[in-house]
Amino acid sequence: MKKILLLLVMHSFFISGCSTIKAGGAEITGLSLLNDRRSRDAILADEAIEDNAVAKLNTNYDLREKCHFNITAYNGAVLVTGEAPKEEFRDRIIAIVRVIPNVKLVHDKLVIANPSPLNFRANDALITGRVKTALTQIPGFDASWVKVVTEKRTVYLMGLVHRSEGAAAIEAARHESDVKQINTVFEYID
């Protein structure tokens, strides 16, 4: 098993053909630095936000065991998705995320509900993959400009985009099967 894992890691390294910068838990490829509209420091800050939030949330037994949450940061804006069975839990999650260094804005998309089953999350991962692939098909569009998060078939699009690029990303996501709704949390640069 270890040999297979090592071969997969080596294969992905050779296919990507990019060097990486490792800082803390964040890994940035040369390609992402080239195409991403955020500065290197902003990318690293976003990675730190995500890592710090997850670490702090997981130290709270109630939150870790009774909730399902995803933390996604882009240019200091944080999208919090998932489910919390009580408003009290949702409020605690958001309060923890708000005080993480470099957080500028929190988009609270937590739903008051029991955590979604794993098969729902697996389907969400498939939807995310299809939307990311669809973004690569947009002429003149770089898919690295947008992060895609899917929660209960609702697709969230985050990124630094021009309004026309945001509209093109929405249109691409709209045509993917099994998407119930699309929410944007774009930061527009025009």
N, C-alpha and C. Protein backbone atom coordinates (compact mmCIF):
# COMPACT_ATOMS: atom_id res chain seq x y z
N MET A 1 0.83 -1.20 0.00
CA MET A 1 0.00 0.00 0.00
C MET A 1 0.87 1.26 0.00
N LYS A 2 1.93 1.23 0.83
CA LYS A 2 2.82 2.39 0.90
C LYS A 2 3.49 2.65 -0.44
N LYS A 3 3.86 1.55 -1.14
CA LYS A 3 4.50 1.69 -2.45
C LYS A 3 3.55 2.34 -3.46
N ILE A 4 2.28 1.94 -3.41
CA ILE A 4 1.29 2.51 -4.33
C ILE A 4 1.11 4.00 -4.04
N LEU A 5 1.02 4.34 -2.76
CA LEU A 5 0.87 5.74 -2.39
C LEU A 5 2.07 6.55 -2.84
N LEU A 6 3.27 6.01 -2.63
CA LEU A 6 4.49 6.70 -3.06
C LEU A 6 4.49 6.90 -4.57
N LEU A 7 4.10 5.87 -5.31
CA LEU A 7 4.04 5.98 -6.77
C LEU A 7 3.03 7.04 -7.22
N LEU A 8 1.87 7.09 -6.55
CA LEU A 8 0.87 8.11 -6.89
C LEU A 8 1.39 9.52 -6.62
N VAL A 9 2.06 9.70 -5.50
CA VAL A 9 2.62 11.02 -5.18
C VAL A 9 3.68 11.41 -6.20
N MET A 10 4.57 10.47 -6.53
CA MET A 10 5.61 10.77 -7.51
C MET A 10 5.00 11.06 -8.88
N HIS A 11 3.98 10.28 -9.25
CA HIS A 11 3.31 10.49 -10.53
C HIS A 11 2.70 11.89 -10.61
N SER A 12 2.00 12.30 -9.54
CA SER A 12 1.38 13.63 -9.56
C SER A 12 2.44 14.72 -9.61
N PHE A 13 3.58 14.50 -8.97
CA PHE A 13 4.66 15.49 -9.00
C PHE A 13 5.19 15.66 -10.41
N PHE A 14 5.43 14.53 -11.10
CA PHE A 14 5.99 14.61 -12.44
C PHE A 14 4.99 15.14 -13.45
N ILE A 15 3.72 14.80 -13.28
CA ILE A 15 2.71 15.30 -14.21
C ILE A 15 2.52 16.80 -14.05
N SER A 16 2.53 17.28 -12.80
CA SER A 16 2.28 18.71 -12.60
C SER A 16 3.42 19.54 -13.15
N GLY A 17 4.64 19.04 -13.04
CA GLY A 17 5.78 19.77 -13.58
C GLY A 17 5.99 21.12 -12.95
N CYS A 18 5.50 21.31 -11.73
CA CYS A 18 5.61 22.60 -11.07
C CYS A 18 6.38 22.45 -9.77
N SER A 19 7.09 23.51 -9.42
CA SER A 19 7.72 23.50 -8.11
C SER A 19 6.69 23.95 -7.10
N THR A 20 6.95 23.65 -5.82
CA THR A 20 6.02 24.05 -4.79
C THR A 20 6.73 24.82 -3.70
N ILE A 21 5.98 25.66 -3.04
CA ILE A 21 6.45 26.38 -1.87
C ILE A 21 5.67 25.80 -0.71
N LYS A 22 6.35 25.39 0.32
CA LYS A 22 5.66 24.84 1.49
C LYS A 22 5.84 25.82 2.63
N ALA A 23 4.74 26.24 3.22
CA ALA A 23 4.79 27.15 4.36
C ALA A 23 3.74 26.71 5.34
N GLY A 24 4.16 26.18 6.47
CA GLY A 24 3.18 25.65 7.41
C GLY A 24 2.46 24.50 6.73
N GLY A 25 1.14 24.51 6.76
CA GLY A 25 0.37 23.47 6.12
C GLY A 25 0.03 23.80 4.68
N ALA A 26 0.40 24.99 4.22
CA ALA A 26 0.01 25.43 2.89
C ALA A 26 1.02 24.98 1.85
N GLU A 27 0.53 24.58 0.71
CA GLU A 27 1.39 24.24 -0.40
C GLU A 27 0.90 25.01 -1.61
N ILE A 28 1.81 25.72 -2.22
CA ILE A 28 1.45 26.53 -3.38
C ILE A 28 2.30 26.09 -4.55
N THR A 29 1.65 25.77 -5.66
CA THR A 29 2.41 25.39 -6.84
C THR A 29 2.80 26.65 -7.60
N GLY A 30 3.86 26.54 -8.39
CA GLY A 30 4.28 27.66 -9.21
C GLY A 30 3.19 28.09 -10.16
N LEU A 31 2.43 27.10 -10.66
CA LEU A 31 1.34 27.40 -11.57
C LEU A 31 0.25 28.21 -10.88
N SER A 32 -0.08 27.86 -9.63
CA SER A 32 -1.13 28.61 -8.94
C SER A 32 -0.68 30.03 -8.65
N LEU A 33 0.60 30.21 -8.36
CA LEU A 33 1.10 31.57 -8.14
C LEU A 33 1.03 32.38 -9.42
N LEU A 34 1.29 31.74 -10.53
CA LEU A 34 1.28 32.42 -11.82
C LEU A 34 -0.12 32.88 -12.21
N ASN A 35 -1.12 32.04 -11.97
CA ASN A 35 -2.47 32.31 -12.44
C ASN A 35 -3.40 32.92 -11.40
N ASP A 36 -3.14 32.71 -10.13
CA ASP A 36 -4.02 33.19 -9.08
C ASP A 36 -3.95 34.71 -9.00
N ARG A 37 -5.08 35.33 -8.82
CA ARG A 37 -5.12 36.79 -8.73
C ARG A 37 -4.74 37.30 -7.35
N ARG A 38 -4.69 36.40 -6.39
CA ARG A 38 -4.25 36.79 -5.04
C ARG A 38 -2.73 36.80 -5.00
N SER A 39 -2.19 37.59 -4.09
CA SER A 39 -0.75 37.58 -3.90
C SER A 39 -0.35 36.29 -3.19
N ARG A 40 0.92 35.96 -3.22
CA ARG A 40 1.42 34.79 -2.50
C ARG A 40 1.05 34.88 -1.03
N ASP A 41 1.21 36.08 -0.46
CA ASP A 41 0.89 36.27 0.96
C ASP A 41 -0.60 36.06 1.24
N ALA A 42 -1.45 36.49 0.32
CA ALA A 42 -2.90 36.29 0.50
C ALA A 42 -3.25 34.81 0.42
N ILE A 43 -2.60 34.09 -0.49
CA ILE A 43 -2.84 32.65 -0.60
C ILE A 43 -2.43 31.95 0.69
N LEU A 44 -1.26 32.30 1.20
CA LEU A 44 -0.78 31.70 2.45
C LEU A 44 -1.68 32.07 3.62
N ALA A 45 -2.15 33.31 3.65
CA ALA A 45 -3.06 33.75 4.72
C ALA A 45 -4.36 32.96 4.67
N ASP A 46 -4.88 32.72 3.46
CA ASP A 46 -6.11 31.94 3.32
C ASP A 46 -5.91 30.50 3.80
N GLU A 47 -4.78 29.92 3.46
CA GLU A 47 -4.48 28.56 3.93
C GLU A 47 -4.39 28.54 5.46
N ALA A 48 -3.77 29.57 6.02
CA ALA A 48 -3.64 29.64 7.49
C ALA A 48 -5.01 29.81 8.15
N ILE A 49 -5.86 30.62 7.54
CA ILE A 49 -7.23 30.80 8.07
C ILE A 49 -7.93 29.44 8.12
N GLU A 50 -7.90 28.71 7.02
CA GLU A 50 -8.57 27.41 6.97
C GLU A 50 -8.00 26.45 8.00
N ASP A 51 -6.67 26.37 8.07
CA ASP A 51 -6.03 25.45 9.01
C ASP A 51 -6.33 25.83 10.46
N ASN A 52 -6.22 27.12 10.78
CA ASN A 52 -6.49 27.58 12.15
C ASN A 52 -7.94 27.35 12.55
N ALA A 53 -8.85 27.64 11.64
CA ALA A 53 -10.28 27.47 11.96
C ALA A 53 -10.60 26.01 12.22
N VAL A 54 -10.15 25.13 11.36
CA VAL A 54 -10.43 23.71 11.54
C VAL A 54 -9.80 23.20 12.84
N ALA A 55 -8.57 23.62 13.11
CA ALA A 55 -7.89 23.18 14.34
C ALA A 55 -8.67 23.66 15.57
N LYS A 56 -9.08 24.92 15.58
CA LYS A 56 -9.81 25.45 16.74
C LYS A 56 -11.19 24.81 16.88
N LEU A 57 -11.87 24.62 15.77
CA LEU A 57 -13.19 24.00 15.83
C LEU A 57 -13.11 22.55 16.31
N ASN A 58 -12.08 21.85 15.87
CA ASN A 58 -11.94 20.44 16.25
C ASN A 58 -11.54 20.25 17.71
N THR A 59 -11.08 21.30 18.37
CA THR A 59 -10.77 21.18 19.80
C THR A 59 -12.04 21.23 20.64
N ASN A 60 -13.14 21.64 20.06
CA ASN A 60 -14.44 21.67 20.73
C ASN A 60 -15.16 20.36 20.45
N TYR A 61 -15.23 19.49 21.46
CA TYR A 61 -15.80 18.16 21.28
C TYR A 61 -17.22 18.22 20.71
N ASP A 62 -18.07 19.06 21.27
CA ASP A 62 -19.46 19.15 20.80
C ASP A 62 -19.53 19.50 19.32
N LEU A 63 -18.73 20.46 18.92
CA LEU A 63 -18.76 20.89 17.52
C LEU A 63 -18.23 19.80 16.60
N ARG A 64 -17.12 19.20 17.01
CA ARG A 64 -16.49 18.16 16.19
C ARG A 64 -17.41 16.95 16.03
N GLU A 65 -18.07 16.54 17.11
CA GLU A 65 -18.86 15.31 17.09
C GLU A 65 -20.28 15.50 16.59
N LYS A 66 -20.84 16.68 16.74
CA LYS A 66 -22.27 16.87 16.44
C LYS A 66 -22.54 17.70 15.19
N CYS A 67 -21.50 18.30 14.63
CA CYS A 67 -21.68 19.20 13.48
C CYS A 67 -20.86 18.71 12.30
N HIS A 68 -21.21 19.19 11.15
CA HIS A 68 -20.41 19.00 9.93
C HIS A 68 -20.16 20.39 9.39
N PHE A 69 -18.88 20.76 9.26
CA PHE A 69 -18.57 22.10 8.77
C PHE A 69 -17.39 22.06 7.81
N ASN A 70 -17.43 22.97 6.86
CA ASN A 70 -16.34 23.19 5.92
C ASN A 70 -15.98 24.66 5.99
N ILE A 71 -14.69 24.93 6.01
CA ILE A 71 -14.18 26.30 6.06
C ILE A 71 -13.39 26.54 4.78
N THR A 72 -13.79 27.53 4.01
CA THR A 72 -13.10 27.86 2.77
C THR A 72 -12.79 29.35 2.78
N ALA A 73 -11.51 29.69 2.62
CA ALA A 73 -11.09 31.09 2.63
C ALA A 73 -10.58 31.50 1.26
N TYR A 74 -10.93 32.71 0.86
CA TYR A 74 -10.43 33.27 -0.40
C TYR A 74 -10.29 34.77 -0.22
N ASN A 75 -9.05 35.22 -0.24
CA ASN A 75 -8.73 36.65 -0.10
C ASN A 75 -9.28 37.23 1.20
N GLY A 76 -9.25 36.43 2.26
CA GLY A 76 -9.70 36.90 3.57
C GLY A 76 -11.18 36.73 3.83
N ALA A 77 -11.95 36.41 2.79
CA ALA A 77 -13.38 36.12 2.98
C ALA A 77 -13.50 34.64 3.28
N VAL A 78 -14.31 34.30 4.28
CA VAL A 78 -14.44 32.91 4.69
C VAL A 78 -15.88 32.45 4.48
N LEU A 79 -16.00 31.32 3.80
CA LEU A 79 -17.29 30.67 3.58
C LEU A 79 -17.37 29.50 4.55
N VAL A 80 -18.40 29.51 5.39
CA VAL A 80 -18.62 28.42 6.34
C VAL A 80 -19.89 27.69 5.90
N THR A 81 -19.73 26.43 5.52
CA THR A 81 -20.86 25.62 5.07
C THR A 81 -20.97 24.37 5.95
N GLY A 82 -22.11 23.73 5.87
CA GLY A 82 -22.32 22.49 6.62
C GLY A 82 -23.60 22.55 7.42
N GLU A 83 -23.66 21.71 8.45
CA GLU A 83 -24.85 21.62 9.27
C GLU A 83 -24.48 21.63 10.75
N ALA A 84 -25.32 22.26 11.53
CA ALA A 84 -25.22 22.26 12.98
C ALA A 84 -26.62 21.97 13.51
N PRO A 85 -26.77 21.03 14.45
CA PRO A 85 -28.11 20.67 14.90
C PRO A 85 -28.81 21.72 15.75
N LYS A 86 -28.06 22.69 16.25
CA LYS A 86 -28.65 23.75 17.09
C LYS A 86 -28.06 25.10 16.70
N GLU A 87 -28.85 26.15 16.86
CA GLU A 87 -28.34 27.50 16.60
C GLU A 87 -27.15 27.82 17.48
N GLU A 88 -27.18 27.32 18.71
CA GLU A 88 -26.06 27.55 19.64
C GLU A 88 -24.74 27.06 19.04
N PHE A 89 -24.76 25.89 18.39
CA PHE A 89 -23.55 25.35 17.77
C PHE A 89 -23.12 26.21 16.58
N ARG A 90 -24.11 26.59 15.76
CA ARG A 90 -23.78 27.44 14.62
C ARG A 90 -23.16 28.75 15.09
N ASP A 91 -23.74 29.35 16.11
CA ASP A 91 -23.21 30.62 16.63
C ASP A 91 -21.79 30.46 17.15
N ARG A 92 -21.50 29.35 17.82
CA ARG A 92 -20.15 29.11 18.33
C ARG A 92 -19.16 28.93 17.19
N ILE A 93 -19.56 28.20 16.16
CA ILE A 93 -18.68 27.99 15.00
C ILE A 93 -18.33 29.33 14.37
N ILE A 94 -19.34 30.14 14.12
CA ILE A 94 -19.11 31.44 13.47
C ILE A 94 -18.28 32.34 14.36
N ALA A 95 -18.53 32.34 15.66
CA ALA A 95 -17.75 33.18 16.59
C ALA A 95 -16.28 32.78 16.58
N ILE A 96 -16.00 31.50 16.51
CA ILE A 96 -14.61 31.03 16.46
C ILE A 96 -13.95 31.48 15.17
N VAL A 97 -14.64 31.34 14.05
CA VAL A 97 -14.07 31.69 12.75
C VAL A 97 -13.82 33.20 12.65
N ARG A 98 -14.72 33.99 13.16
CA ARG A 98 -14.60 35.46 13.05
C ARG A 98 -13.32 36.02 13.66
N VAL A 99 -12.79 35.37 14.70
CA VAL A 99 -11.62 35.93 15.39
C VAL A 99 -10.29 35.34 14.91
N ILE A 100 -10.34 34.51 13.87
CA ILE A 100 -9.10 33.97 13.29
C ILE A 100 -8.36 35.14 12.63
N PRO A 101 -7.05 35.25 12.84
CA PRO A 101 -6.30 36.33 12.19
C PRO A 101 -6.49 36.34 10.67
N ASN A 102 -6.58 37.54 10.12
CA ASN A 102 -6.71 37.82 8.67
C ASN A 102 -8.10 37.57 8.09
N VAL A 103 -9.09 37.20 8.92
CA VAL A 103 -10.45 37.04 8.43
C VAL A 103 -11.06 38.43 8.27
N LYS A 104 -11.48 38.75 7.05
CA LYS A 104 -12.09 40.05 6.77
C LYS A 104 -13.62 40.00 6.81
N LEU A 105 -14.18 38.86 6.41
CA LEU A 105 -15.61 38.72 6.25
C LEU A 105 -15.98 37.24 6.37
N VAL A 106 -17.10 36.95 7.03
CA VAL A 106 -17.56 35.56 7.15
C VAL A 106 -18.92 35.43 6.46
N HIS A 107 -19.00 34.48 5.55
CA HIS A 107 -20.26 34.14 4.89
C HIS A 107 -20.80 32.91 5.61
N ASP A 108 -21.81 33.10 6.45
CA ASP A 108 -22.38 32.03 7.25
C ASP A 108 -23.45 31.32 6.44
N LYS A 109 -23.11 30.14 5.94
CA LYS A 109 -24.06 29.33 5.17
C LYS A 109 -24.31 28.00 5.88
N LEU A 110 -24.09 27.99 7.20
CA LEU A 110 -24.40 26.80 8.00
C LEU A 110 -25.92 26.65 8.10
N VAL A 111 -26.39 25.44 7.98
CA VAL A 111 -27.81 25.14 8.07
C VAL A 111 -28.08 24.48 9.42
N ILE A 112 -29.20 24.83 10.04
CA ILE A 112 -29.59 24.17 11.27
C ILE A 112 -30.23 22.85 10.90
N ALA A 113 -29.45 21.78 11.04
CA ALA A 113 -29.90 20.43 10.69
C ALA A 113 -28.86 19.44 11.21
N ASN A 114 -29.24 18.18 11.24
CA ASN A 114 -28.28 17.14 11.58
C ASN A 114 -27.25 17.03 10.46
N PRO A 115 -26.03 16.60 10.78
CA PRO A 115 -25.01 16.48 9.74
C PRO A 115 -25.46 15.59 8.58
N SER A 116 -25.10 16.00 7.39
CA SER A 116 -25.48 15.25 6.19
C SER A 116 -24.77 13.90 6.17
N PRO A 117 -25.43 12.88 5.59
CA PRO A 117 -24.79 11.57 5.48
C PRO A 117 -23.61 11.60 4.50
N LEU A 118 -22.73 10.64 4.66
CA LEU A 118 -21.53 10.59 3.82
C LEU A 118 -21.86 10.45 2.34
N ASN A 119 -22.93 9.74 1.99
CA ASN A 119 -23.26 9.60 0.57
C ASN A 119 -23.67 10.94 -0.04
N PHE A 120 -24.29 11.83 0.74
CA PHE A 120 -24.61 13.17 0.26
C PHE A 120 -23.32 13.94 -0.02
N ARG A 121 -22.38 13.82 0.91
CA ARG A 121 -21.09 14.53 0.76
C ARG A 121 -20.32 14.00 -0.44
N ALA A 122 -20.38 12.69 -0.67
CA ALA A 122 -19.71 12.11 -1.83
C ALA A 122 -20.32 12.67 -3.12
N ASN A 123 -21.64 12.77 -3.16
CA ASN A 123 -22.31 13.34 -4.33
C ASN A 123 -21.91 14.81 -4.52
N ASP A 124 -21.81 15.54 -3.40
CA ASP A 124 -21.37 16.93 -3.48
C ASP A 124 -19.96 17.04 -4.07
N ALA A 125 -19.09 16.11 -3.69
CA ALA A 125 -17.72 16.12 -4.23
C ALA A 125 -17.74 15.88 -5.74
N LEU A 126 -18.61 15.00 -6.20
CA LEU A 126 -18.74 14.76 -7.64
C LEU A 126 -19.23 16.02 -8.36
N ILE A 127 -20.21 16.68 -7.78
CA ILE A 127 -20.73 17.92 -8.38
C ILE A 127 -19.62 18.96 -8.45
N THR A 128 -18.86 19.11 -7.36
CA THR A 128 -17.75 20.07 -7.35
C THR A 128 -16.77 19.77 -8.48
N GLY A 129 -16.43 18.50 -8.65
CA GLY A 129 -15.51 18.12 -9.72
C GLY A 129 -16.05 18.45 -11.10
N ARG A 130 -17.33 18.20 -11.30
CA ARG A 130 -17.93 18.50 -12.61
C ARG A 130 -17.95 20.01 -12.87
N VAL A 131 -18.26 20.80 -11.84
CA VAL A 131 -18.30 22.26 -12.01
C VAL A 131 -16.89 22.77 -12.30
N LYS A 132 -15.88 22.27 -11.58
CA LYS A 132 -14.50 22.70 -11.84
C LYS A 132 -14.09 22.36 -13.27
N THR A 133 -14.49 21.19 -13.73
CA THR A 133 -14.19 20.81 -15.12
C THR A 133 -14.90 21.75 -16.09
N ALA A 134 -16.14 22.08 -15.80
CA ALA A 134 -16.90 22.99 -16.67
C ALA A 134 -16.23 24.36 -16.74
N LEU A 135 -15.65 24.81 -15.64
CA LEU A 135 -14.97 26.11 -15.63
C LEU A 135 -13.77 26.11 -16.57
N THR A 136 -13.11 24.96 -16.72
CA THR A 136 -11.95 24.89 -17.62
C THR A 136 -12.35 25.00 -19.08
N GLN A 137 -13.62 24.83 -19.37
CA GLN A 137 -14.11 24.89 -20.74
C GLN A 137 -14.52 26.29 -21.19
N ILE A 138 -14.50 27.25 -20.28
CA ILE A 138 -14.89 28.63 -20.61
C ILE A 138 -13.73 29.29 -21.35
N PRO A 139 -13.94 29.76 -22.57
CA PRO A 139 -12.86 30.40 -23.32
C PRO A 139 -12.30 31.63 -22.58
N GLY A 140 -10.98 31.70 -22.46
CA GLY A 140 -10.32 32.84 -21.85
C GLY A 140 -10.45 32.89 -20.33
N PHE A 141 -10.95 31.85 -19.74
CA PHE A 141 -11.19 31.81 -18.29
C PHE A 141 -10.20 30.86 -17.66
N ASP A 142 -9.62 31.27 -16.54
CA ASP A 142 -8.71 30.40 -15.80
C ASP A 142 -9.46 29.87 -14.58
N ALA A 143 -9.65 28.57 -14.51
CA ALA A 143 -10.43 27.96 -13.44
C ALA A 143 -9.83 28.20 -12.06
N SER A 144 -8.55 28.57 -11.99
CA SER A 144 -7.94 28.84 -10.69
C SER A 144 -8.44 30.15 -10.07
N TRP A 145 -9.18 30.93 -10.83
CA TRP A 145 -9.73 32.18 -10.31
C TRP A 145 -10.92 31.94 -9.39
N VAL A 146 -11.48 30.74 -9.41
CA VAL A 146 -12.71 30.46 -8.66
C VAL A 146 -12.54 29.18 -7.84
N LYS A 147 -12.91 29.27 -6.57
CA LYS A 147 -13.01 28.08 -5.72
C LYS A 147 -14.46 27.63 -5.78
N VAL A 148 -14.64 26.31 -5.83
CA VAL A 148 -15.98 25.72 -5.90
C VAL A 148 -16.18 24.86 -4.65
N VAL A 149 -17.28 25.10 -3.97
CA VAL A 149 -17.66 24.33 -2.79
C VAL A 149 -19.11 23.89 -3.01
N THR A 150 -19.41 22.62 -2.74
CA THR A 150 -20.78 22.14 -2.88
C THR A 150 -21.23 21.55 -1.55
N GLU A 151 -22.41 21.94 -1.13
CA GLU A 151 -23.01 21.46 0.12
C GLU A 151 -24.48 21.19 -0.14
N LYS A 152 -24.89 19.93 -0.01
CA LYS A 152 -26.28 19.52 -0.25
C LYS A 152 -26.78 20.00 -1.62
N ARG A 153 -25.94 19.79 -2.62
CA ARG A 153 -26.23 20.12 -4.03
C ARG A 153 -26.30 21.62 -4.31
N THR A 154 -25.99 22.45 -3.32
CA THR A 154 -25.88 23.89 -3.55
C THR A 154 -24.42 24.20 -3.82
N VAL A 155 -24.16 24.83 -4.95
CA VAL A 155 -22.80 25.16 -5.36
C VAL A 155 -22.49 26.60 -4.96
N TYR A 156 -21.36 26.78 -4.29
CA TYR A 156 -20.87 28.10 -3.91
C TYR A 156 -19.64 28.40 -4.76
N LEU A 157 -19.62 29.58 -5.36
CA LEU A 157 -18.50 30.01 -6.19
C LEU A 157 -17.84 31.20 -5.51
N MET A 158 -16.53 31.10 -5.25
CA MET A 158 -15.77 32.17 -4.60
C MET A 158 -14.60 32.55 -5.50
N GLY A 159 -14.22 33.81 -5.47
CA GLY A 159 -13.03 34.21 -6.20
C GLY A 159 -12.98 35.69 -6.46
N LEU A 160 -11.85 36.10 -7.01
CA LEU A 160 -11.64 37.48 -7.47
C LEU A 160 -11.88 37.46 -8.97
N VAL A 161 -13.01 38.01 -9.40
CA VAL A 161 -13.38 37.93 -10.81
C VAL A 161 -13.95 39.26 -11.30
N HIS A 162 -13.88 39.44 -12.62
CA HIS A 162 -14.63 40.52 -13.26
C HIS A 162 -16.08 40.05 -13.34
N ARG A 163 -17.00 40.97 -13.44
CA ARG A 163 -18.42 40.61 -13.47
C ARG A 163 -18.75 39.65 -14.62
N SER A 164 -18.15 39.88 -15.78
CA SER A 164 -18.41 38.99 -16.92
C SER A 164 -17.86 37.58 -16.66
N GLU A 165 -16.74 37.47 -15.96
CA GLU A 165 -16.18 36.16 -15.62
C GLU A 165 -17.09 35.45 -14.61
N GLY A 166 -17.59 36.21 -13.63
CA GLY A 166 -18.51 35.63 -12.65
C GLY A 166 -19.76 35.10 -13.32
N ALA A 167 -20.29 35.87 -14.28
CA ALA A 167 -21.48 35.44 -15.00
C ALA A 167 -21.20 34.17 -15.81
N ALA A 168 -20.03 34.09 -16.41
CA ALA A 168 -19.66 32.90 -17.18
C ALA A 168 -19.52 31.69 -16.26
N ALA A 169 -18.96 31.88 -15.07
CA ALA A 169 -18.82 30.77 -14.11
C ALA A 169 -20.19 30.29 -13.65
N ILE A 170 -21.08 31.22 -13.37
CA ILE A 170 -22.44 30.87 -12.96
C ILE A 170 -23.13 30.07 -14.06
N GLU A 171 -23.00 30.54 -15.28
CA GLU A 171 -23.64 29.85 -16.41
C GLU A 171 -23.08 28.44 -16.59
N ALA A 172 -21.77 28.28 -16.44
CA ALA A 172 -21.16 26.95 -16.56
C ALA A 172 -21.69 26.03 -15.46
N ALA A 173 -21.78 26.52 -14.24
CA ALA A 173 -22.27 25.71 -13.11
C ALA A 173 -23.75 25.36 -13.30
N ARG A 174 -24.49 26.28 -13.84
CA ARG A 174 -25.94 26.09 -14.01
C ARG A 174 -26.25 24.89 -14.91
N HIS A 175 -25.37 24.58 -15.83
CA HIS A 175 -25.62 23.50 -16.78
C HIS A 175 -25.18 22.12 -16.27
N GLU A 176 -24.62 22.07 -15.09
CA GLU A 176 -24.19 20.78 -14.54
C GLU A 176 -25.37 20.07 -13.89
N SER A 177 -25.44 18.78 -14.08
CA SER A 177 -26.56 18.00 -13.54
C SER A 177 -26.48 17.92 -12.02
N ASP A 178 -27.61 17.79 -11.41
CA ASP A 178 -27.77 17.58 -9.97
C ASP A 178 -27.48 18.83 -9.13
N VAL A 179 -27.28 19.99 -9.77
CA VAL A 179 -27.08 21.23 -9.03
C VAL A 179 -28.45 21.81 -8.68
N LYS A 180 -28.69 21.97 -7.39
CA LYS A 180 -29.99 22.49 -6.93
C LYS A 180 -30.00 24.01 -6.97
N GLN A 181 -28.89 24.63 -6.55
CA GLN A 181 -28.84 26.09 -6.43
C GLN A 181 -27.39 26.53 -6.58
N ILE A 182 -27.19 27.78 -6.99
CA ILE A 182 -25.85 28.36 -7.10
C ILE A 182 -25.83 29.64 -6.28
N ASN A 183 -24.87 29.74 -5.38
CA ASN A 183 -24.66 30.96 -4.59
C ASN A 183 -23.27 31.48 -4.88
N THR A 184 -23.18 32.79 -5.11
CA THR A 184 -21.87 33.37 -5.36
C THR A 184 -21.42 34.20 -4.16
N VAL A 185 -20.15 34.09 -3.89
CA VAL A 185 -19.52 34.92 -2.87
C VAL A 185 -18.26 35.51 -3.52
N PHE A 186 -18.47 36.07 -4.70
CA PHE A 186 -17.37 36.67 -5.47
C PHE A 186 -16.95 38.00 -4.87
N GLU A 187 -15.70 38.32 -5.09
CA GLU A 187 -15.19 39.67 -4.88
C GLU A 187 -14.92 40.21 -6.28
N TYR A 188 -15.69 41.20 -6.68
CA TYR A 188 -15.57 41.72 -8.05
C TYR A 188 -14.45 42.74 -8.14
N ILE A 189 -13.68 42.64 -9.23
CA ILE A 189 -12.54 43.54 -9.43
C ILE A 189 -12.82 44.58 -10.50
N ASP A 190 -14.09 44.76 -10.86
CA ASP A 190 -14.44 45.85 -11.79
C ASP A 190 -15.72 46.52 -11.35
